Amino acid sequence: MASLLQSWCLSFFLVIAVVGRATAAGYYAAPVFRPTAWKLAYATFYGDETASETMGGACGYGNLFNSGYGTATAALSSVLFNNGYGCGQCFQLRCVNSRWCYKGSPITTITATNLCPPNWSKDSNNGGWCNPPRTHFDMAKPAFMKIAQWKGGIVPVMFRRVTCVKKGGLRFTFQGNGYWLLVYVMNVAGGGDVANMWVKGSKTGWISMSHNWGASYQAFATLGGQSLSFKITSYTSHETIIAYNVAPANWQVGMTYSASVNFH
């Protein structure tokens, strides 16, 4: 009996030790994002082959080449954009049931970087492609050309959410001033999205940040001269990770800082 009790106690403390290490590393146990079922939608494209017109966008990622998204991007109709919580989500698309589809219906993967706003001056089935409640992808032209001939203009597609595979950790671009910090969160793996965010200065506790727009979060606090850490919760998987000491005490607005952690 004593031997059995000792074995149980040893197992208990081993579990506690493993959880403790995971927490110290900035991770909390949470479901890992899984691909969704295929659904029907429609896709168009905007811009030209250079994708220069897709730079910037409602998510706030700026130059998509510099921020790591490239030309494999799309603007989402408001149903998918979800007030900015759809920013960073990854989708697989393939063209179906159209003479403009490539043979074999190849699949391409895109990241949501922009909003395709409604156009109420046009009928939802004749130009108002992004009017609610339509599910629509307005793709960068190079991405569209991977699934269909661009002459098709608009094609039906099957789509599904997939895990975002990113290299390296989360990236944080700072804007604001001495009393207001605005942070754009990029290179988000897993679900690709952010639901909640907190900032901690080396002289403060955790400060809740409010959703500003797109993929940006803000804190009204005096954080100058302090190294900054961030706590982030995924909108889709609800996983929470902590990125400690992302920015040094001499951080500056206009700079981008990288973390060593990312979502699963």
Protein backbone atom coordinates (compact mmCIF):
# COMPACT_ATOMS: atom_id res chain seq x y z
CA MET A 1 0.00 0.00 0.00
CA ALA A 2 2.82 2.39 0.90
CA SER A 3 4.56 1.54 -2.39
CA LEU A 4 1.36 2.24 -4.33
CA LEU A 5 0.92 5.59 -2.54
CA GLN A 6 4.51 6.57 -3.29
CA SER A 7 4.00 5.69 -6.97
CA TRP A 8 0.82 7.79 -7.14
CA CYS A 9 2.51 10.77 -5.47
CA LEU A 10 5.48 10.54 -7.85
CA SER A 11 3.14 10.51 -10.87
CA PHE A 12 1.21 13.50 -9.50
CA PHE A 13 4.31 15.60 -8.97
CA LEU A 14 5.65 14.65 -12.44
CA VAL A 15 2.42 15.94 -14.00
CA ILE A 16 2.64 19.15 -11.97
CA ALA A 17 6.27 19.60 -13.05
CA VAL A 18 5.40 19.17 -16.75
CA VAL A 19 2.52 21.66 -16.49
CA GLY A 20 4.76 24.08 -14.64
CA ARG A 21 7.39 23.96 -17.38
CA ALA A 22 4.76 24.49 -20.06
CA THR A 23 3.37 27.51 -18.22
CA ALA A 24 6.82 28.97 -17.67
CA ALA A 25 7.49 28.64 -21.40
CA GLY A 26 4.44 30.72 -22.15
CA TYR A 27 1.96 27.98 -23.08
CA TYR A 28 -1.40 26.95 -21.66
CA ALA A 29 -3.02 23.66 -22.63
CA ALA A 30 -5.73 24.30 -25.24
CA PRO A 31 -7.29 22.62 -28.27
CA VAL A 32 -5.19 22.73 -31.43
CA PHE A 33 -6.96 24.22 -34.46
CA ARG A 34 -8.18 21.65 -37.00
CA PRO A 35 -9.36 22.16 -40.62
CA THR A 36 -13.08 22.71 -41.13
CA ALA A 37 -15.42 21.01 -43.60
CA TRP A 38 -15.53 22.20 -47.22
CA LYS A 39 -18.23 24.80 -48.02
CA LEU A 40 -19.41 26.61 -51.16
CA ALA A 41 -18.60 30.29 -51.85
CA TYR A 42 -17.55 32.53 -54.74
CA ALA A 43 -14.28 34.21 -55.61
CA THR A 44 -13.16 37.21 -57.66
CA PHE A 45 -9.83 39.04 -57.82
CA TYR A 46 -8.58 42.59 -57.51
CA GLY A 47 -5.41 44.31 -58.66
CA ASP A 48 -2.96 42.97 -61.20
CA GLU A 49 -0.24 40.34 -61.31
CA THR A 50 2.05 42.45 -59.08
CA ALA A 51 -0.56 42.47 -56.27
CA SER A 52 0.47 46.06 -55.51
CA GLU A 53 -3.16 47.06 -54.93
CA THR A 54 -3.49 44.46 -52.17
CA MET A 55 -0.82 46.10 -50.00
CA GLY A 56 -2.09 47.59 -46.74
CA GLY A 57 -5.71 46.62 -46.25
CA ALA A 58 -8.19 46.61 -43.40
CA CYS A 59 -6.20 44.18 -41.27
CA GLY A 60 -3.31 46.64 -40.96
CA TYR A 61 -0.53 44.31 -42.14
CA GLY A 62 1.07 47.05 -44.25
CA ASN A 63 3.43 45.86 -46.97
CA LEU A 64 2.41 42.22 -47.35
CA PHE A 65 5.81 41.21 -48.70
CA ASN A 66 7.62 42.68 -45.68
CA SER A 67 5.12 41.17 -43.23
CA GLY A 68 5.47 37.69 -44.75
CA TYR A 69 2.10 37.25 -46.46
CA GLY A 70 3.16 37.87 -50.07
CA THR A 71 0.56 37.49 -52.82
CA ALA A 72 -1.30 34.47 -51.36
CA THR A 73 -3.96 36.71 -49.82
CA ALA A 74 -7.61 37.68 -50.09
CA ALA A 75 -10.12 40.25 -48.90
CA LEU A 76 -13.09 38.67 -47.12
CA SER A 77 -16.75 39.61 -47.32
CA SER A 78 -18.01 41.04 -44.02
CA VAL A 79 -19.56 37.69 -43.05
CA LEU A 80 -16.09 36.12 -42.98
CA PHE A 81 -14.20 39.27 -41.93
CA ASN A 82 -16.19 39.30 -38.68
CA ASN A 83 -15.30 42.85 -37.61
CA GLY A 84 -11.61 42.12 -38.02
CA TYR A 85 -11.49 38.87 -36.06
CA GLY A 86 -11.11 37.05 -39.40
CA CYS A 87 -7.79 38.79 -40.04
CA GLY A 88 -4.94 36.31 -40.37
CA GLN A 89 -7.16 33.26 -40.85
CA CYS A 90 -6.02 30.79 -43.50
CA PHE A 91 -8.20 29.17 -46.13
CA GLN A 92 -7.84 26.57 -48.84
CA LEU A 93 -9.81 27.26 -52.02
CA ARG A 94 -10.44 25.33 -55.23
CA CYS A 95 -12.49 26.35 -58.23
CA VAL A 96 -15.52 24.14 -59.02
CA ASN A 97 -18.31 23.88 -61.59
CA SER A 98 -17.00 26.51 -63.99
CA ARG A 99 -15.41 26.32 -67.43
CA TRP A 100 -12.80 28.73 -66.10
CA CYS A 101 -11.50 26.28 -63.49
CA TYR A 102 -8.16 24.63 -64.13
CA LYS A 103 -8.22 20.93 -64.85
CA GLY A 104 -8.09 18.86 -61.68
CA SER A 105 -9.41 21.71 -59.52
CA PRO A 106 -6.06 22.57 -57.86
CA ILE A 107 -6.04 23.88 -54.30
CA THR A 108 -4.41 27.11 -53.16
CA THR A 109 -3.97 28.44 -49.64
CA ILE A 110 -4.52 32.12 -48.80
CA THR A 111 -4.42 34.35 -45.73
CA ALA A 112 -7.12 36.92 -44.97
CA THR A 113 -5.54 40.38 -45.03
CA ASN A 114 -8.34 42.73 -46.07
CA LEU A 115 -12.08 43.46 -46.09
CA CYS A 116 -14.21 43.28 -49.22
CA PRO A 117 -16.87 45.87 -48.30
CA PRO A 118 -20.51 45.70 -49.38
CA ASN A 119 -21.57 47.57 -52.52
CA TRP A 120 -25.22 48.31 -51.91
CA SER A 121 -25.54 50.15 -55.22
CA LYS A 122 -25.35 46.81 -57.00
CA ASP A 123 -27.42 43.66 -56.77
CA SER A 124 -25.85 40.94 -54.65
CA ASN A 125 -25.88 38.60 -57.65
CA ASN A 126 -24.60 41.16 -60.14
CA GLY A 127 -21.58 43.08 -58.87
CA GLY A 128 -22.39 43.30 -55.17
CA TRP A 129 -20.49 40.11 -54.59
CA CYS A 130 -19.47 40.99 -51.03
CA ASN A 131 -22.89 42.13 -49.84
CA PRO A 132 -24.12 40.28 -46.74
CA PRO A 133 -24.97 37.50 -46.31
CA ARG A 134 -22.75 36.35 -49.19
CA THR A 135 -19.61 34.34 -48.40
CA HIS A 136 -17.04 35.73 -50.80
CA PHE A 137 -13.28 35.89 -51.39
CA ASP A 138 -11.81 38.80 -53.37
CA MET A 139 -8.39 37.34 -54.03
CA ALA A 140 -5.09 38.87 -55.03
CA LYS A 141 -4.82 38.20 -58.77
CA PRO A 142 -1.75 35.90 -58.47
CA ALA A 143 -3.68 33.76 -55.95
CA PHE A 144 -6.79 33.65 -58.16
CA MET A 145 -4.70 32.58 -61.14
CA LYS A 146 -3.63 29.46 -59.24
CA ILE A 147 -7.18 28.08 -59.28
CA ALA A 148 -8.84 29.59 -62.39
CA GLN A 149 -8.31 31.61 -65.55
CA TRP A 150 -8.48 35.31 -64.70
CA LYS A 151 -10.84 35.92 -67.66
CA GLY A 152 -13.55 34.12 -65.69
CA GLY A 153 -13.87 37.14 -63.39
CA ILE A 154 -15.98 35.33 -60.79
CA VAL A 155 -16.02 31.59 -60.12
CA PRO A 156 -17.67 29.27 -57.60
CA VAL A 157 -15.21 27.79 -55.11
CA MET A 158 -15.13 25.25 -52.35
CA PHE A 159 -13.30 26.54 -49.29
CA ARG A 160 -12.29 25.47 -45.81
CA ARG A 161 -10.39 26.95 -42.88
CA VAL A 162 -6.98 25.36 -42.37
CA THR A 163 -4.14 25.69 -39.91
CA CYS A 164 -1.86 28.64 -40.59
CA VAL A 165 1.72 27.42 -40.91
CA LYS A 166 4.18 30.20 -40.15
CA LYS A 167 7.93 30.40 -39.71
CA GLY A 168 9.16 31.82 -36.43
CA GLY A 169 7.22 33.53 -33.69
CA LEU A 170 4.56 36.20 -33.49
CA ARG A 171 5.46 39.67 -34.73
CA PHE A 172 4.33 42.94 -33.17
CA THR A 173 4.45 46.28 -34.97
CA PHE A 174 4.16 49.32 -32.68
CA GLN A 175 2.38 52.62 -33.29
CA GLY A 176 1.14 55.29 -30.88
CA ASN A 177 2.84 57.62 -28.41
CA GLY A 178 3.96 57.81 -24.79
CA TYR A 179 0.43 57.35 -23.46
CA TRP A 180 -1.15 55.14 -26.11
CA LEU A 181 0.27 51.92 -27.55
CA LEU A 182 -1.25 50.46 -30.73
CA VAL A 183 0.05 47.00 -31.69
CA TYR A 184 -0.47 45.14 -34.95
CA VAL A 185 -0.14 41.36 -34.48
CA MET A 186 1.26 39.43 -37.45
CA ASN A 187 2.67 36.04 -38.46
CA VAL A 188 0.07 34.26 -36.33
CA ALA A 189 0.11 30.46 -36.67
CA GLY A 190 -2.61 27.96 -35.73
CA GLY A 191 -6.01 29.60 -36.16
CA GLY A 192 -4.23 32.71 -37.44
CA ASP A 193 -6.49 35.06 -35.48
CA VAL A 194 -6.49 36.96 -32.18
CA ALA A 195 -9.41 37.35 -29.76
CA ASN A 196 -7.84 39.09 -26.76
CA MET A 197 -4.53 40.62 -25.88
CA TRP A 198 -2.74 41.98 -22.82
CA VAL A 199 0.50 43.91 -22.38
CA LYS A 200 2.82 43.92 -19.38
CA GLY A 201 5.59 46.41 -18.80
CA SER A 202 8.56 45.54 -16.62
CA LYS A 203 7.06 47.90 -14.01
CA THR A 204 3.35 47.03 -14.41
CA GLY A 205 0.98 44.13 -14.10
CA TRP A 206 -0.99 42.75 -17.03
CA ILE A 207 -3.00 45.48 -18.80
CA SER A 208 -5.97 44.45 -20.96
CA MET A 209 -5.80 45.80 -24.52
CA SER A 210 -8.93 46.66 -26.50
CA HIS A 211 -9.57 45.69 -30.10
CA ASN A 212 -8.95 48.74 -32.27
CA TRP A 213 -9.58 47.51 -35.84
CA GLY A 214 -8.37 44.66 -38.04
CA ALA A 215 -5.51 42.88 -36.32
CA SER A 216 -4.58 45.75 -33.99
CA TYR A 217 -4.98 46.13 -30.24
CA GLN A 218 -4.46 49.19 -28.06
CA ALA A 219 -3.61 50.11 -24.49
CA PHE A 220 -3.95 53.56 -22.95
CA ALA A 221 -1.03 53.43 -20.55
CA THR A 222 2.42 54.92 -19.95
CA LEU A 223 4.77 52.14 -21.01
CA GLY A 224 7.83 54.02 -22.24
CA GLY A 225 11.18 52.95 -20.83
CA GLN A 226 9.91 49.45 -19.97
CA SER A 227 10.50 46.10 -21.64
CA LEU A 228 7.18 44.73 -22.89
CA SER A 229 5.60 41.28 -22.76
CA PHE A 230 2.33 40.20 -24.38
CA LYS A 231 -0.36 37.64 -23.62
CA ILE A 232 -2.51 36.63 -26.59
CA THR A 233 -5.60 34.43 -26.93
CA SER A 234 -6.61 32.86 -30.25
CA TYR A 235 -10.13 33.71 -31.45
CA THR A 236 -10.65 30.23 -32.91
CA SER A 237 -8.85 27.77 -30.65
CA HIS A 238 -8.98 29.88 -27.43
CA GLU A 239 -5.37 28.89 -26.82
CA THR A 240 -3.45 31.48 -24.80
CA ILE A 241 0.29 32.04 -25.06
CA ILE A 242 2.65 34.48 -23.37
CA ALA A 243 5.48 36.17 -25.23
CA TYR A 244 7.89 37.45 -22.60
CA ASN A 245 10.22 40.43 -23.13
CA VAL A 246 9.28 40.92 -26.78
CA ALA A 247 10.43 44.54 -26.89
CA PRO A 248 13.38 46.04 -24.98
CA ALA A 249 13.03 49.03 -22.67
CA ASN A 250 14.12 51.39 -25.47
CA TRP A 251 11.40 50.23 -27.87
CA GLN A 252 10.15 52.70 -30.45
CA VAL A 253 6.97 53.20 -32.48
CA GLY A 254 7.29 52.20 -36.11
CA MET A 255 9.40 49.18 -35.21
CA THR A 256 8.49 45.50 -35.45
CA TYR A 257 9.51 43.08 -32.70
CA SER A 258 9.49 39.29 -32.91
CA ALA A 259 8.61 36.75 -30.22
CA SER A 260 9.94 33.23 -29.85
CA VAL A 261 6.49 31.69 -29.37
CA ASN A 262 3.54 31.06 -31.64
CA PHE A 263 0.24 29.17 -31.66
CA HIS A 264 0.00 25.49 -32.50
